[in-house]
Amino acid sequence: MKKLLLLTVVAAGIYACKSSKDTQLPPPAVEVELTPLEKGQKLYPGYTSADYATGKELYGKKCSTCHDLPKVSHESVEGWKKTVPSMVALSNKEGMPITASEEDLITKYLVATRTK
């Protein structure tokens, strides 16, 4: 009788342990923060580290000829997509040319850096 009782308790314990393991929740997913370059590569297929570096350099050189550089966080992604073309048009009108490819690299740099 004692053996039967002991066997029942052991079996119940094993079942309880197995059941609790089966019902455990998986650990929460860890969201990995992408770097601005990785964000750019996700947004723009073929976007390279050289594109990012050139866009950053052009933003520093070309945009600062007319005004102090605002922080990239100053504008939203959509804001940068609207602001850059208007600033390029103004710069070109004032005799400080920015090519279409330079405009593209500046915009992609700002969008990649600003994207969350």
N, C-alpha and C. Protein backbone atom coordinates (compact mmCIF):
# COMPACT_ATOMS: atom_id res chain seq x y z
N MET A 1 0.81 -1.18 0.00
CA MET A 1 0.00 0.00 0.00
C MET A 1 0.86 1.26 0.00
N LYS A 2 1.93 1.25 0.84
CA LYS A 2 2.82 2.40 0.90
C LYS A 2 3.51 2.60 -0.45
N LYS A 3 3.87 1.48 -1.09
CA LYS A 3 4.54 1.57 -2.39
C LYS A 3 3.60 2.19 -3.42
N LEU A 4 2.33 1.82 -3.39
CA LEU A 4 1.35 2.35 -4.32
C LEU A 4 1.15 3.85 -4.08
N LEU A 5 1.08 4.24 -2.82
CA LEU A 5 0.92 5.65 -2.48
C LEU A 5 2.15 6.44 -2.94
N LEU A 6 3.34 5.91 -2.67
CA LEU A 6 4.59 6.56 -3.08
C LEU A 6 4.66 6.68 -4.60
N LEU A 7 4.29 5.62 -5.31
CA LEU A 7 4.29 5.63 -6.77
C LEU A 7 3.31 6.67 -7.31
N THR A 8 2.17 6.81 -6.71
CA THR A 8 1.16 7.78 -7.12
C THR A 8 1.68 9.21 -6.92
N VAL A 9 2.31 9.47 -5.78
CA VAL A 9 2.86 10.80 -5.49
C VAL A 9 3.98 11.13 -6.47
N VAL A 10 4.85 10.21 -6.76
CA VAL A 10 5.95 10.43 -7.70
C VAL A 10 5.40 10.69 -9.09
N ALA A 11 4.44 9.90 -9.51
CA ALA A 11 3.84 10.07 -10.84
C ALA A 11 3.16 11.44 -10.94
N ALA A 12 2.45 11.83 -9.90
CA ALA A 12 1.78 13.14 -9.90
C ALA A 12 2.81 14.26 -9.97
N GLY A 13 3.91 14.10 -9.25
CA GLY A 13 4.97 15.11 -9.28
C GLY A 13 5.60 15.24 -10.64
N ILE A 14 5.86 14.11 -11.28
CA ILE A 14 6.44 14.14 -12.63
C ILE A 14 5.47 14.78 -13.61
N TYR A 15 4.20 14.44 -13.50
CA TYR A 15 3.19 15.04 -14.38
C TYR A 15 3.10 16.54 -14.16
N ALA A 16 3.15 16.96 -12.91
CA ALA A 16 3.05 18.39 -12.59
C ALA A 16 4.24 19.15 -13.16
N CYS A 17 5.43 18.59 -13.05
CA CYS A 17 6.63 19.25 -13.60
C CYS A 17 6.53 19.32 -15.12
N LYS A 18 6.13 18.24 -15.75
CA LYS A 18 6.00 18.24 -17.20
C LYS A 18 4.95 19.24 -17.64
N SER A 19 3.83 19.29 -16.96
CA SER A 19 2.76 20.22 -17.33
C SER A 19 3.20 21.66 -17.19
N SER A 20 3.94 21.98 -16.12
CA SER A 20 4.37 23.37 -15.95
C SER A 20 5.38 23.77 -17.01
N LYS A 21 6.22 22.84 -17.46
CA LYS A 21 7.16 23.15 -18.52
C LYS A 21 6.44 23.40 -19.84
N ASP A 22 5.40 22.63 -20.08
CA ASP A 22 4.65 22.78 -21.33
C ASP A 22 3.89 24.10 -21.39
N THR A 23 3.54 24.66 -20.25
CA THR A 23 2.73 25.88 -20.24
C THR A 23 3.56 27.14 -20.01
N GLN A 24 4.86 27.01 -19.87
CA GLN A 24 5.69 28.19 -19.67
C GLN A 24 5.70 29.04 -20.94
N LEU A 25 5.64 30.34 -20.76
CA LEU A 25 5.68 31.25 -21.90
C LEU A 25 7.10 31.39 -22.40
N PRO A 26 7.26 31.57 -23.69
CA PRO A 26 8.62 31.79 -24.22
C PRO A 26 9.12 33.15 -23.74
N PRO A 27 10.42 33.32 -23.68
CA PRO A 27 10.95 34.63 -23.26
C PRO A 27 10.51 35.70 -24.26
N PRO A 28 10.34 36.92 -23.78
CA PRO A 28 9.92 37.99 -24.70
C PRO A 28 10.97 38.24 -25.78
N ALA A 29 10.49 38.58 -26.94
CA ALA A 29 11.40 38.87 -28.05
C ALA A 29 12.17 40.16 -27.74
N VAL A 30 13.43 40.15 -28.03
CA VAL A 30 14.27 41.32 -27.82
C VAL A 30 14.35 42.08 -29.14
N GLU A 31 13.93 43.33 -29.11
CA GLU A 31 13.98 44.14 -30.32
C GLU A 31 15.37 44.77 -30.43
N VAL A 32 16.03 44.48 -31.52
CA VAL A 32 17.38 44.97 -31.74
C VAL A 32 17.30 46.32 -32.46
N GLU A 33 17.95 47.31 -31.91
CA GLU A 33 17.96 48.64 -32.52
C GLU A 33 18.95 48.63 -33.69
N LEU A 34 18.45 49.01 -34.85
CA LEU A 34 19.31 49.08 -36.04
C LEU A 34 20.10 50.37 -36.03
N THR A 35 21.28 50.33 -36.60
CA THR A 35 22.07 51.55 -36.77
C THR A 35 21.45 52.37 -37.91
N PRO A 36 21.75 53.65 -38.00
CA PRO A 36 21.23 54.43 -39.13
C PRO A 36 21.61 53.82 -40.48
N LEU A 37 22.83 53.31 -40.61
CA LEU A 37 23.23 52.67 -41.87
C LEU A 37 22.34 51.47 -42.17
N GLU A 38 22.09 50.63 -41.17
CA GLU A 38 21.24 49.46 -41.37
C GLU A 38 19.81 49.87 -41.73
N LYS A 39 19.34 50.94 -41.12
CA LYS A 39 18.00 51.45 -41.46
C LYS A 39 17.97 51.91 -42.92
N GLY A 40 19.03 52.60 -43.34
CA GLY A 40 19.13 53.04 -44.73
C GLY A 40 19.16 51.87 -45.69
N GLN A 41 19.90 50.83 -45.32
CA GLN A 41 19.99 49.65 -46.18
C GLN A 41 18.65 48.92 -46.25
N LYS A 42 17.89 48.98 -45.17
CA LYS A 42 16.56 48.36 -45.17
C LYS A 42 15.59 49.17 -46.03
N LEU A 43 15.71 50.49 -45.99
CA LEU A 43 14.82 51.37 -46.76
C LEU A 43 15.21 51.45 -48.23
N TYR A 44 16.51 51.42 -48.50
CA TYR A 44 17.02 51.64 -49.86
C TYR A 44 17.93 50.48 -50.27
N PRO A 45 17.41 49.50 -50.98
CA PRO A 45 18.25 48.39 -51.43
C PRO A 45 19.48 48.90 -52.19
N GLY A 46 20.62 48.35 -51.86
CA GLY A 46 21.86 48.76 -52.51
C GLY A 46 22.56 49.93 -51.83
N TYR A 47 21.96 50.47 -50.77
CA TYR A 47 22.53 51.60 -50.03
C TYR A 47 23.77 51.10 -49.29
N THR A 48 24.88 51.81 -49.45
CA THR A 48 26.15 51.35 -48.89
C THR A 48 26.64 52.27 -47.78
N SER A 49 27.66 51.81 -47.08
CA SER A 49 28.26 52.65 -46.05
C SER A 49 28.91 53.88 -46.69
N ALA A 50 29.41 53.74 -47.91
CA ALA A 50 29.98 54.89 -48.63
C ALA A 50 28.89 55.92 -48.96
N ASP A 51 27.69 55.43 -49.34
CA ASP A 51 26.56 56.34 -49.60
C ASP A 51 26.20 57.11 -48.33
N TYR A 52 26.15 56.39 -47.22
CA TYR A 52 25.80 57.02 -45.95
C TYR A 52 26.84 58.08 -45.57
N ALA A 53 28.11 57.71 -45.67
CA ALA A 53 29.19 58.63 -45.31
C ALA A 53 29.19 59.85 -46.23
N THR A 54 28.97 59.63 -47.52
CA THR A 54 28.95 60.75 -48.47
C THR A 54 27.76 61.66 -48.20
N GLY A 55 26.59 61.08 -47.93
CA GLY A 55 25.42 61.88 -47.60
C GLY A 55 25.64 62.73 -46.37
N LYS A 56 26.27 62.14 -45.37
CA LYS A 56 26.57 62.88 -44.13
C LYS A 56 27.53 64.03 -44.41
N GLU A 57 28.57 63.74 -45.21
CA GLU A 57 29.55 64.76 -45.56
C GLU A 57 28.91 65.89 -46.38
N LEU A 58 28.08 65.52 -47.35
CA LEU A 58 27.41 66.54 -48.17
C LEU A 58 26.47 67.39 -47.33
N TYR A 59 25.75 66.76 -46.41
CA TYR A 59 24.87 67.51 -45.52
C TYR A 59 25.68 68.55 -44.75
N GLY A 60 26.82 68.13 -44.23
CA GLY A 60 27.68 69.04 -43.48
C GLY A 60 28.25 70.16 -44.33
N LYS A 61 28.69 69.84 -45.53
CA LYS A 61 29.34 70.84 -46.39
C LYS A 61 28.35 71.71 -47.14
N LYS A 62 27.41 71.10 -47.81
CA LYS A 62 26.51 71.85 -48.69
C LYS A 62 25.47 72.66 -47.91
N CYS A 63 24.86 72.03 -46.93
CA CYS A 63 23.76 72.70 -46.23
C CYS A 63 24.26 73.81 -45.30
N SER A 64 25.46 73.65 -44.79
CA SER A 64 25.98 74.66 -43.87
C SER A 64 26.48 75.92 -44.59
N THR A 65 26.51 75.91 -45.92
CA THR A 65 26.94 77.12 -46.63
C THR A 65 25.89 78.23 -46.51
N CYS A 66 24.63 77.84 -46.26
CA CYS A 66 23.55 78.85 -46.16
C CYS A 66 23.06 79.07 -44.74
N HIS A 67 23.17 78.06 -43.89
CA HIS A 67 22.62 78.19 -42.54
C HIS A 67 23.27 77.19 -41.60
N ASP A 68 23.07 77.42 -40.29
CA ASP A 68 23.53 76.44 -39.31
C ASP A 68 22.77 75.14 -39.54
N LEU A 69 23.44 74.06 -39.29
CA LEU A 69 22.80 72.76 -39.50
C LEU A 69 21.87 72.43 -38.35
N PRO A 70 20.61 72.16 -38.67
CA PRO A 70 19.72 71.71 -37.59
C PRO A 70 20.05 70.27 -37.23
N LYS A 71 19.70 69.88 -36.02
CA LYS A 71 19.85 68.47 -35.67
C LYS A 71 18.95 67.66 -36.59
N VAL A 72 19.40 66.48 -36.93
CA VAL A 72 18.61 65.63 -37.82
C VAL A 72 17.24 65.36 -37.20
N SER A 73 17.18 65.29 -35.88
CA SER A 73 15.91 65.02 -35.20
C SER A 73 14.96 66.22 -35.25
N HIS A 74 15.43 67.35 -35.79
CA HIS A 74 14.61 68.55 -35.90
C HIS A 74 13.40 68.33 -36.81
N GLU A 75 13.56 67.48 -37.81
CA GLU A 75 12.50 67.20 -38.78
C GLU A 75 12.10 65.73 -38.72
N SER A 76 10.87 65.46 -39.10
CA SER A 76 10.41 64.08 -39.25
C SER A 76 10.95 63.55 -40.58
N VAL A 77 10.77 62.27 -40.81
CA VAL A 77 11.18 61.68 -42.10
C VAL A 77 10.46 62.40 -43.23
N GLU A 78 9.14 62.55 -43.10
CA GLU A 78 8.38 63.24 -44.16
C GLU A 78 8.83 64.70 -44.28
N GLY A 79 9.14 65.30 -43.16
CA GLY A 79 9.62 66.69 -43.19
C GLY A 79 10.91 66.83 -43.99
N TRP A 80 11.85 65.91 -43.79
CA TRP A 80 13.11 65.96 -44.54
C TRP A 80 12.86 65.73 -46.03
N LYS A 81 11.93 64.83 -46.35
CA LYS A 81 11.65 64.56 -47.76
C LYS A 81 11.06 65.78 -48.46
N LYS A 82 10.43 66.66 -47.71
CA LYS A 82 9.88 67.90 -48.28
C LYS A 82 10.90 69.05 -48.21
N THR A 83 11.66 69.10 -47.13
CA THR A 83 12.59 70.21 -46.91
C THR A 83 13.78 70.18 -47.85
N VAL A 84 14.38 69.01 -48.03
CA VAL A 84 15.60 68.92 -48.84
C VAL A 84 15.38 69.43 -50.27
N PRO A 85 14.36 69.00 -50.99
CA PRO A 85 14.18 69.52 -52.35
C PRO A 85 14.00 71.04 -52.40
N SER A 86 13.29 71.60 -51.44
CA SER A 86 13.11 73.06 -51.46
C SER A 86 14.42 73.77 -51.14
N MET A 87 15.22 73.22 -50.25
CA MET A 87 16.52 73.83 -49.93
C MET A 87 17.49 73.69 -51.11
N VAL A 88 17.43 72.56 -51.79
CA VAL A 88 18.29 72.36 -52.96
C VAL A 88 17.92 73.36 -54.06
N ALA A 89 16.64 73.54 -54.29
CA ALA A 89 16.20 74.51 -55.31
C ALA A 89 16.68 75.90 -54.96
N LEU A 90 16.58 76.27 -53.69
CA LEU A 90 17.05 77.59 -53.25
C LEU A 90 18.56 77.72 -53.41
N SER A 91 19.28 76.67 -53.03
CA SER A 91 20.74 76.69 -53.16
C SER A 91 21.16 76.80 -54.62
N ASN A 92 20.52 76.05 -55.49
CA ASN A 92 20.83 76.12 -56.92
C ASN A 92 20.52 77.50 -57.48
N LYS A 93 19.43 78.08 -57.04
CA LYS A 93 19.03 79.42 -57.49
C LYS A 93 20.05 80.47 -57.05
N GLU A 94 20.63 80.27 -55.87
CA GLU A 94 21.60 81.22 -55.32
C GLU A 94 23.02 80.98 -55.84
N GLY A 95 23.18 80.05 -56.77
CA GLY A 95 24.50 79.81 -57.37
C GLY A 95 25.38 78.85 -56.58
N MET A 96 24.80 78.10 -55.67
CA MET A 96 25.55 77.09 -54.92
C MET A 96 24.96 75.73 -55.28
N PRO A 97 25.38 75.20 -56.43
CA PRO A 97 24.71 74.01 -56.99
C PRO A 97 24.85 72.75 -56.15
N ILE A 98 23.75 72.04 -56.12
CA ILE A 98 23.68 70.70 -55.53
C ILE A 98 23.07 69.82 -56.61
N THR A 99 23.79 68.80 -57.01
CA THR A 99 23.31 67.93 -58.09
C THR A 99 22.18 67.03 -57.58
N ALA A 100 21.50 66.42 -58.52
CA ALA A 100 20.42 65.49 -58.18
C ALA A 100 20.95 64.30 -57.37
N SER A 101 22.12 63.80 -57.74
CA SER A 101 22.68 62.66 -56.99
C SER A 101 23.10 63.08 -55.59
N GLU A 102 23.61 64.31 -55.45
CA GLU A 102 23.96 64.81 -54.11
C GLU A 102 22.69 64.99 -53.27
N GLU A 103 21.65 65.52 -53.88
CA GLU A 103 20.37 65.68 -53.19
C GLU A 103 19.85 64.33 -52.70
N ASP A 104 19.95 63.33 -53.56
CA ASP A 104 19.49 61.99 -53.21
C ASP A 104 20.27 61.44 -52.02
N LEU A 105 21.60 61.60 -52.03
CA LEU A 105 22.42 61.09 -50.93
C LEU A 105 22.15 61.84 -49.63
N ILE A 106 21.95 63.15 -49.71
CA ILE A 106 21.64 63.94 -48.51
C ILE A 106 20.29 63.48 -47.94
N THR A 107 19.30 63.35 -48.80
CA THR A 107 17.97 62.93 -48.34
C THR A 107 18.03 61.55 -47.71
N LYS A 108 18.69 60.61 -48.35
CA LYS A 108 18.78 59.25 -47.81
C LYS A 108 19.52 59.24 -46.47
N TYR A 109 20.57 60.04 -46.36
CA TYR A 109 21.29 60.13 -45.08
C TYR A 109 20.35 60.63 -43.98
N LEU A 110 19.63 61.70 -44.26
CA LEU A 110 18.74 62.28 -43.25
C LEU A 110 17.60 61.32 -42.89
N VAL A 111 17.02 60.69 -43.88
CA VAL A 111 15.92 59.75 -43.63
C VAL A 111 16.42 58.53 -42.84
N ALA A 112 17.57 58.00 -43.25
CA ALA A 112 18.13 56.82 -42.55
C ALA A 112 18.47 57.17 -41.11
N THR A 113 19.01 58.34 -40.90
CA THR A 113 19.39 58.76 -39.55
C THR A 113 18.17 59.05 -38.69
N ARG A 114 17.13 59.55 -39.30
CA ARG A 114 15.92 59.96 -38.56
C ARG A 114 14.94 58.82 -38.35
N THR A 115 14.97 57.79 -39.20
CA THR A 115 14.01 56.69 -39.11
C THR A 115 14.13 55.95 -37.78
N LYS A 116 12.97 55.64 -37.20
CA LYS A 116 12.97 54.92 -35.91
C LYS A 116 12.87 53.44 -36.14
